[in-house]
Amino acid sequence: MDHLSVRKDILGHVRRVVVKLGSSVVTTENGLDRKMMKNLAHDIHEMRNAGKEFIIVSSGAIAAGVRRLGLKEGARTIPQKQAAASIGQSRLMSAYDEAFGRYDIRVGQLLLTRDDLTHRQRYLNARNTLMTLLAWGVVPIINENDTVVVDEIKLGDNDNLSALVAVLASADLLITLTDIEGLMDCDPRVNCDACLIPVVEDITPELKGLAGGTSSGVGRGGMASKLEAASKARMSGVPMIITRGKVENVIVRTLSGELCGTLILPAKEKMSARKSWIRYNLRPEGALRVDSGAAKALTHGGKSLLPIGIIDVEGSFDDGAAVDVIDQNDNKIAVGLVNYSSEEMKRIVGRQTAEIDWVLGYRRYDEAIHADNLVVL
């Protein structure tokens, strides 16, 4: 494979870019890395003049707050992290405002939680806000709302958030800036002969095995989380580049087609935006167990799930909820939005479609889950 030509072919179609910065890139031992932020602003200014649009997903609020407070042991509990974020977030935005202000570029802040991306209307509201900011020439700066987030509404880390934002914004490319060169063929922290993998066509179990843990003491994500993010992005047709952040003109060089970091190619079959939202944003509230015939129809035929193919209902959920679809061997084969609640579903399990009226006294839909709302895994 000609890695350079593949990269230039991908980058030749890029207009809207999401740039994710890890805490190790945004901060130093003394606080925020304002030199790096100025370099980033310079690069984005240059590439905006070439017709590119940018959205930034930035870590660093908690780390900035911890260093501002002088907490030698860091923020350990959730209240401590929330308090540190409340102090660090304002400092983070002030630094970005100063860096981009040198080029008369305005920035805007969006703080998101899982709830904002789970509820369909709030998801669309977030998208509308992003589109409006971009239309106004503003660079959105996005972070998880660490000041209020708890485990129930936590997105996980900003690697995951950046992938969800790339899909939300219909981006053409996700660039993840980190503290290592890219995906290596072995752990560079223990093997000095580690070599960069320039292009990845598919994220295999073997590739995931190469990913280690967190590479710095200030972030929450490591290479494993970046590959998880890449899986989400590429299935929605968004390529991703993982590269070292503290390099002069890294954005300009990357978008110009230089062999910077690892390029992860998009999947050959792109998932629709709605199915991506169902697959990656929603938490299943229950499960439907199906027989072998239904499992085959879903995984090979692209069919809707009918009540007659269901043999058991697990959990309690309302109509419209996300549920897993599992086979008789407990393999998760799909996830989708149900047309009936768990109580209704229990009454029509194994029934013919024509029997729904007779059993329930009404029939809102023929399907338990319509194919348009079903994602085969």
Protein backbone atom coordinates (compact mmCIF):
# COMPACT_ATOMS: atom_id res chain seq x y z
CA MET A 1 0.00 0.00 0.00
CA ASP A 2 1.26 3.48 -0.91
CA HIS A 3 0.62 5.14 2.45
CA LEU A 4 1.31 8.65 1.18
CA SER A 5 -1.13 8.45 -1.74
CA VAL A 6 -3.83 6.89 0.45
CA ARG A 7 -3.42 9.71 2.95
CA LYS A 8 -3.52 12.44 0.32
CA ASP A 9 -6.60 10.88 -1.28
CA ILE A 10 -8.44 10.91 2.08
CA LEU A 11 -7.30 14.41 3.01
CA GLY A 12 -8.16 15.82 -0.39
CA HIS A 13 -11.86 15.57 0.50
CA VAL A 14 -11.63 17.00 4.02
CA ARG A 15 -13.42 20.23 4.87
CA ARG A 16 -14.75 19.89 8.44
CA VAL A 17 -12.23 18.70 11.05
CA VAL A 18 -12.62 17.73 14.70
CA VAL A 19 -9.37 18.14 16.66
CA LYS A 20 -9.16 16.36 20.01
CA LEU A 21 -6.47 17.41 22.50
CA GLY A 22 -5.56 15.23 25.47
CA SER A 23 -4.63 16.63 28.88
CA SER A 24 -0.97 15.76 28.30
CA VAL A 25 -1.02 17.99 25.21
CA VAL A 26 -2.93 20.92 26.71
CA THR A 27 -1.04 21.06 30.01
CA THR A 28 2.50 21.14 31.39
CA GLU A 29 3.87 20.65 34.90
CA ASN A 30 3.15 24.33 35.55
CA GLY A 31 -0.38 24.53 34.16
CA LEU A 32 -1.84 25.15 30.72
CA ASP A 33 0.56 24.92 27.78
CA ARG A 34 -0.16 28.32 26.24
CA LYS A 35 2.65 27.96 23.69
CA MET A 36 1.02 24.83 22.28
CA MET A 37 -2.37 26.55 22.22
CA LYS A 38 -0.90 29.49 20.30
CA ASN A 39 0.64 27.08 17.78
CA LEU A 40 -2.73 25.34 17.42
CA ALA A 41 -4.48 28.65 16.83
CA HIS A 42 -1.89 29.59 14.20
CA ASP A 43 -2.36 26.30 12.35
CA ILE A 44 -6.15 26.53 12.44
CA HIS A 45 -5.97 30.12 11.20
CA GLU A 46 -3.81 28.97 8.27
CA MET A 47 -6.12 26.07 7.37
CA ARG A 48 -9.30 28.14 7.75
CA ASN A 49 -7.89 30.40 5.05
CA ALA A 50 -7.70 27.24 2.92
CA GLY A 51 -11.43 26.61 3.43
CA LYS A 52 -11.37 24.23 6.41
CA GLU A 53 -13.74 24.31 9.40
CA PHE A 54 -12.65 23.26 12.87
CA ILE A 55 -14.23 21.94 16.05
CA ILE A 56 -12.01 21.39 19.10
CA VAL A 57 -12.64 18.77 21.78
CA SER A 58 -10.32 19.74 24.58
CA SER A 59 -9.34 18.01 27.80
CA GLY A 60 -7.44 19.88 30.47
CA ALA A 61 -10.06 21.51 32.72
CA ILE A 62 -9.54 19.20 35.69
CA ALA A 63 -5.76 19.17 35.25
CA ALA A 64 -5.70 22.99 35.01
CA GLY A 65 -7.83 23.28 38.14
CA VAL A 66 -5.67 20.83 40.06
CA ARG A 67 -2.53 22.76 39.20
CA ARG A 68 -4.13 26.13 39.93
CA LEU A 69 -5.13 24.85 43.38
CA GLY A 70 -1.75 23.21 43.97
CA LEU A 71 -3.27 19.83 44.79
CA LYS A 72 -0.16 17.64 44.93
CA GLU A 73 -2.17 14.41 45.10
CA GLY A 74 -4.57 15.51 42.39
CA ALA A 75 -8.36 15.34 42.46
CA ARG A 76 -9.42 11.85 43.54
CA THR A 77 -13.11 11.96 44.42
CA ILE A 78 -15.92 13.01 42.10
CA PRO A 79 -16.66 16.20 44.13
CA GLN A 80 -12.96 17.10 43.99
CA LYS A 81 -12.84 16.56 40.23
CA GLN A 82 -16.01 18.60 39.75
CA ALA A 83 -14.62 21.45 41.86
CA ALA A 84 -11.27 21.36 40.04
CA ALA A 85 -13.08 21.41 36.69
CA SER A 86 -15.11 24.46 37.71
CA ILE A 87 -11.87 26.35 38.31
CA GLY A 88 -9.94 24.93 35.39
CA GLN A 89 -12.65 25.26 32.73
CA SER A 90 -12.74 29.06 32.88
CA ARG A 91 -8.93 29.19 32.70
CA LEU A 92 -8.97 26.78 29.75
CA MET A 93 -11.47 28.89 27.80
CA SER A 94 -9.63 32.10 28.63
CA ALA A 95 -6.42 30.61 27.24
CA TYR A 96 -8.16 29.50 24.03
CA ASP A 97 -9.83 32.91 23.68
CA GLU A 98 -6.46 34.61 24.02
CA ALA A 99 -4.72 32.25 21.57
CA PHE A 100 -7.37 32.54 18.84
CA GLY A 101 -7.96 36.23 19.50
CA ARG A 102 -4.52 36.95 18.03
CA TYR A 103 -6.06 35.98 14.68
CA ASP A 104 -9.45 37.61 15.31
CA ILE A 105 -11.09 34.18 15.57
CA ARG A 106 -13.94 33.82 18.06
CA VAL A 107 -14.38 30.69 20.15
CA GLY A 108 -17.50 29.29 21.80
CA GLN A 109 -17.88 26.79 24.63
CA LEU A 110 -20.08 23.67 24.66
CA LEU A 111 -20.16 21.45 27.75
CA LEU A 112 -21.89 18.13 27.17
CA THR A 113 -23.02 15.10 29.17
CA ARG A 114 -24.28 11.71 28.03
CA ASP A 115 -27.86 12.93 28.47
CA ASP A 116 -27.26 15.63 25.85
CA LEU A 117 -26.32 12.96 23.31
CA THR A 118 -28.82 10.30 24.44
CA HIS A 119 -32.06 12.25 24.15
CA ARG A 120 -32.82 12.69 20.48
CA GLN A 121 -34.10 16.29 20.71
CA ARG A 122 -31.17 17.42 22.83
CA TYR A 123 -28.83 15.64 20.41
CA LEU A 124 -30.35 17.58 17.51
CA ASN A 125 -30.23 20.81 19.55
CA ALA A 126 -26.50 20.27 20.12
CA ARG A 127 -26.03 19.69 16.40
CA ASN A 128 -27.98 22.85 15.54
CA THR A 129 -25.81 24.86 17.94
CA LEU A 130 -22.64 23.48 16.37
CA MET A 131 -23.84 24.22 12.84
CA THR A 132 -24.78 27.79 13.81
CA LEU A 133 -21.40 28.44 15.43
CA LEU A 134 -19.59 27.14 12.34
CA ALA A 135 -21.80 29.26 10.07
CA TRP A 136 -20.81 32.30 12.15
CA GLY A 137 -17.11 31.47 11.76
CA VAL A 138 -16.75 30.53 15.44
CA VAL A 139 -14.50 27.67 16.56
CA PRO A 140 -16.47 25.53 19.05
CA ILE A 141 -14.49 24.29 22.06
CA ILE A 142 -16.17 21.18 23.49
CA ASN A 143 -15.57 19.33 26.72
CA GLU A 144 -17.52 16.97 28.94
CA ASN A 145 -19.34 18.91 31.66
CA ASP A 146 -17.09 17.65 34.45
CA THR A 147 -18.56 20.09 36.97
CA VAL A 148 -21.84 18.14 37.16
CA VAL A 149 -21.09 14.77 35.57
CA VAL A 150 -21.53 11.55 37.55
CA ASP A 151 -21.12 7.94 36.46
CA GLU A 152 -24.74 7.70 35.28
CA ILE A 153 -24.30 10.48 32.71
CA LYS A 154 -20.57 10.16 32.07
CA LEU A 155 -19.36 9.80 28.51
CA GLY A 156 -16.19 8.04 29.65
CA ASP A 157 -13.37 10.19 28.28
CA ASN A 158 -12.79 12.80 25.62
CA ASP A 159 -11.60 10.21 23.11
CA ASN A 160 -15.13 8.81 23.15
CA LEU A 161 -16.63 12.32 23.16
CA SER A 162 -14.55 13.39 20.16
CA ALA A 163 -15.81 10.44 18.09
CA LEU A 164 -19.42 11.18 19.02
CA VAL A 165 -18.89 14.87 18.16
CA ALA A 166 -17.33 13.95 14.80
CA VAL A 167 -20.45 11.95 13.94
CA LEU A 168 -22.78 14.61 15.38
CA ALA A 169 -21.15 17.31 13.27
CA SER A 170 -20.84 15.21 10.09
CA ALA A 171 -17.09 15.82 10.16
CA ASP A 172 -14.77 14.67 7.40
CA LEU A 173 -11.84 13.90 9.71
CA LEU A 174 -11.01 13.40 13.39
CA ILE A 175 -7.48 14.31 14.47
CA THR A 176 -6.44 13.12 17.93
CA LEU A 177 -3.41 14.90 19.36
CA THR A 178 -1.63 12.90 22.03
CA ASP A 179 1.79 12.51 23.64
CA ILE A 180 3.11 9.74 21.39
CA GLU A 181 3.76 9.54 17.67
CA GLY A 182 0.75 7.34 16.89
CA LEU A 183 -0.16 3.66 17.03
CA MET A 184 3.02 1.61 17.37
CA ASP A 185 3.69 -2.06 16.66
CA CYS A 186 4.70 -2.50 20.33
CA ASP A 187 4.75 -0.40 23.50
CA PRO A 188 7.30 2.42 22.93
CA ARG A 189 7.64 2.94 26.69
CA VAL A 190 9.28 -0.47 27.09
CA ASN A 191 10.69 -1.11 23.61
CA CYS A 192 12.89 1.49 21.96
CA ASP A 193 12.59 -0.34 18.62
CA ALA A 194 8.83 0.32 18.36
CA CYS A 195 7.76 1.34 14.85
CA LEU A 196 4.86 3.54 13.79
CA ILE A 197 1.92 1.91 12.02
CA PRO A 198 1.17 4.54 9.32
CA VAL A 199 -2.21 3.24 8.06
CA VAL A 200 -4.87 1.02 9.64
CA GLU A 201 -7.57 -0.47 7.42
CA ASP A 202 -9.53 -2.30 10.12
CA ILE A 203 -9.50 -2.42 13.91
CA THR A 204 -8.86 -6.07 14.68
CA PRO A 205 -8.48 -7.86 18.04
CA GLU A 206 -4.76 -8.14 17.29
CA LEU A 207 -4.53 -4.39 16.82
CA LYS A 208 -6.37 -3.75 20.08
CA GLY A 209 -3.85 -6.01 21.76
CA LEU A 210 -1.11 -3.54 20.84
CA ALA A 211 -2.84 -0.73 22.75
CA GLY A 212 -1.56 -0.09 26.24
CA GLY A 213 -2.91 1.97 29.12
CA THR A 214 -2.78 5.69 29.82
CA SER A 215 0.51 7.14 28.70
CA SER A 216 0.46 10.15 31.04
CA GLY A 217 -0.55 10.88 34.59
CA VAL A 218 -3.05 13.63 33.79
CA GLY A 219 -5.44 12.04 31.30
CA ARG A 220 -8.18 9.42 31.47
CA GLY A 221 -7.69 7.79 28.08
CA GLY A 222 -4.93 5.69 26.58
CA MET A 223 -4.36 4.15 23.17
CA ALA A 224 -7.08 1.56 23.86
CA SER A 225 -9.67 4.32 24.29
CA LYS A 226 -8.43 5.97 21.11
CA LEU A 227 -9.02 2.76 19.17
CA GLU A 228 -12.51 2.54 20.68
CA ALA A 229 -13.12 6.10 19.50
CA ALA A 230 -11.75 5.22 16.06
CA SER A 231 -14.17 2.27 15.86
CA LYS A 232 -17.11 4.61 16.40
CA ALA A 233 -15.84 7.24 13.96
CA ARG A 234 -14.86 4.90 11.13
CA MET A 235 -18.18 3.02 11.20
CA SER A 236 -19.85 6.37 10.50
CA GLY A 237 -17.48 7.10 7.63
CA VAL A 238 -15.09 9.40 9.52
CA PRO A 239 -11.34 8.68 9.17
CA MET A 240 -9.12 9.38 12.17
CA ILE A 241 -5.49 10.37 12.59
CA ILE A 242 -3.63 9.81 15.86
CA THR A 243 -0.47 11.88 16.11
CA ARG A 244 1.83 13.71 18.52
CA GLY A 245 0.38 17.06 19.58
CA LYS A 246 3.42 19.01 20.71
CA VAL A 247 4.98 19.28 17.27
CA GLU A 248 5.39 22.54 15.37
CA ASN A 249 2.65 23.08 12.77
CA VAL A 250 1.21 19.62 13.40
CA ILE A 251 -2.26 20.51 12.04
CA VAL A 252 -0.93 22.14 8.87
CA ARG A 253 1.49 19.29 8.26
CA THR A 254 -1.14 16.63 8.90
CA LEU A 255 -3.74 18.19 6.63
CA SER A 256 -1.11 18.79 3.95
CA GLY A 257 -0.63 15.04 3.65
CA GLU A 258 2.63 14.51 5.50
CA LEU A 259 3.09 11.10 7.11
CA CYS A 260 2.20 12.33 10.59
CA GLY A 261 0.93 9.68 12.97
CA THR A 262 -1.44 6.81 12.22
CA LEU A 263 -4.32 7.16 9.75
CA ILE A 264 -7.29 4.90 10.51
CA LEU A 265 -9.40 4.49 7.39
CA PRO A 266 -13.21 4.69 7.42
CA ALA A 267 -15.25 1.51 7.10
CA LYS A 268 -16.22 0.52 3.56
CA GLU A 269 -19.90 0.41 4.51
CA LYS A 270 -20.97 3.60 6.27
CA MET A 271 -23.54 3.48 9.05
CA SER A 272 -26.33 6.08 8.85
CA ALA A 273 -26.29 8.96 11.35
CA ARG A 274 -29.45 7.66 13.04
CA LYS A 275 -28.11 4.13 13.43
CA SER A 276 -24.83 5.50 14.73
CA TRP A 277 -26.79 7.44 17.37
CA ILE A 278 -28.64 4.26 18.36
CA ARG A 279 -25.47 2.15 18.44
CA TYR A 280 -23.11 4.48 20.26
CA ASN A 281 -25.16 7.01 22.23
CA LEU A 282 -27.92 4.95 23.84
CA ARG A 283 -27.71 2.60 26.79
CA PRO A 284 -29.90 -0.50 26.35
CA GLU A 285 -32.57 -0.80 29.03
CA GLY A 286 -33.40 -4.46 28.45
CA ALA A 287 -33.07 -7.33 26.01
CA LEU A 288 -35.10 -9.45 23.62
CA ARG A 289 -34.03 -13.05 23.17
CA VAL A 290 -34.76 -14.40 19.69
CA ASP A 291 -34.89 -17.85 18.09
CA SER A 292 -32.43 -19.07 15.46
CA GLY A 293 -34.69 -18.14 12.55
CA ALA A 294 -35.06 -14.55 13.70
CA ALA A 295 -31.33 -14.28 14.44
CA LYS A 296 -30.53 -15.38 10.90
CA ALA A 297 -33.10 -13.00 9.39
CA LEU A 298 -31.62 -10.07 11.31
CA THR A 299 -27.93 -10.77 10.77
CA HIS A 300 -28.09 -11.93 7.16
CA GLY A 301 -31.33 -10.60 5.74
CA GLY A 302 -31.54 -7.08 7.11
CA LYS A 303 -35.09 -7.76 8.26
CA SER A 304 -37.22 -6.17 10.97
CA LEU A 305 -37.72 -8.08 14.21
CA LEU A 306 -41.26 -9.47 14.47
CA PRO A 307 -42.90 -10.70 17.71
CA ILE A 308 -43.08 -14.27 16.38
CA GLY A 309 -39.27 -14.52 16.48
CA ILE A 310 -38.98 -13.44 20.14
CA ILE A 311 -38.81 -16.12 22.81
CA ASP A 312 -38.12 -14.05 25.96
CA VAL A 313 -38.13 -10.46 27.27
CA GLU A 314 -35.59 -9.25 29.84
CA GLY A 315 -35.71 -6.03 31.86
CA SER A 316 -38.29 -3.27 32.17
CA PHE A 317 -38.57 -0.63 29.46
CA ASP A 318 -41.03 1.68 27.73
CA ASP A 319 -41.78 1.80 24.02
CA GLY A 320 -39.07 3.71 22.16
CA ALA A 321 -36.33 2.47 24.49
CA ALA A 322 -33.08 0.95 23.28
CA VAL A 323 -32.72 -2.79 23.90
CA ASP A 324 -30.21 -5.48 23.06
CA VAL A 325 -31.19 -8.37 20.81
CA ILE A 326 -29.56 -11.62 21.91
CA ASP A 327 -29.61 -15.11 20.44
CA GLN A 328 -30.20 -18.40 22.25
CA ASN A 329 -26.49 -18.64 23.09
CA ASP A 330 -26.48 -15.22 24.83
CA ASN A 331 -24.60 -13.55 21.96
CA LYS A 332 -25.53 -9.91 21.47
CA ILE A 333 -26.40 -9.66 17.78
CA ALA A 334 -28.13 -6.27 17.50
CA VAL A 335 -29.42 -3.21 19.31
CA GLY A 336 -32.55 -1.29 18.42
CA LEU A 337 -35.51 0.86 19.45
CA VAL A 338 -38.58 -1.13 20.49
CA ASN A 339 -42.09 -0.29 19.36
CA TYR A 340 -43.71 -1.80 22.46
CA SER A 341 -42.99 -1.68 26.19
CA SER A 342 -41.64 -4.69 28.08
CA GLU A 343 -45.09 -5.46 29.50
CA GLU A 344 -46.67 -5.32 26.05
CA MET A 345 -43.83 -7.34 24.57
CA LYS A 346 -44.27 -10.14 27.11
CA ARG A 347 -47.88 -10.51 26.00
CA ILE A 348 -47.09 -10.76 22.28
CA VAL A 349 -43.93 -12.93 22.45
CA GLY A 350 -44.09 -15.61 19.77
CA ARG A 351 -47.30 -14.23 18.27
CA GLN A 352 -48.09 -13.69 14.62
CA THR A 353 -48.38 -10.03 13.61
CA ALA A 354 -52.11 -10.48 12.94
CA GLU A 355 -52.58 -11.62 16.56
CA ILE A 356 -51.29 -8.37 18.12
CA ASP A 357 -54.72 -6.70 17.80
CA TRP A 358 -56.40 -9.65 19.48
CA VAL A 359 -53.89 -9.89 22.35
CA LEU A 360 -53.40 -6.18 23.12
CA GLY A 361 -56.64 -4.75 21.76
CA TYR A 362 -54.64 -2.49 19.42
CA ARG A 363 -51.67 -2.68 17.04
CA ARG A 364 -49.44 0.37 16.78
CA TYR A 365 -46.83 -1.39 14.67
CA ASP A 366 -46.37 -4.73 12.95
CA GLU A 367 -42.75 -5.00 14.11
CA ALA A 368 -41.22 -5.30 17.56
CA ILE A 369 -38.23 -3.38 16.13
CA HIS A 370 -38.28 -1.91 12.63
CA ALA A 371 -35.21 -2.48 10.46
CA ASP A 372 -34.64 1.29 10.25
CA ASN A 373 -34.20 1.38 14.04
CA LEU A 374 -32.10 -1.79 14.28
CA VAL A 375 -28.31 -1.97 14.23
CA VAL A 376 -26.76 -5.37 13.58
CA LEU A 377 -23.47 -5.70 15.49
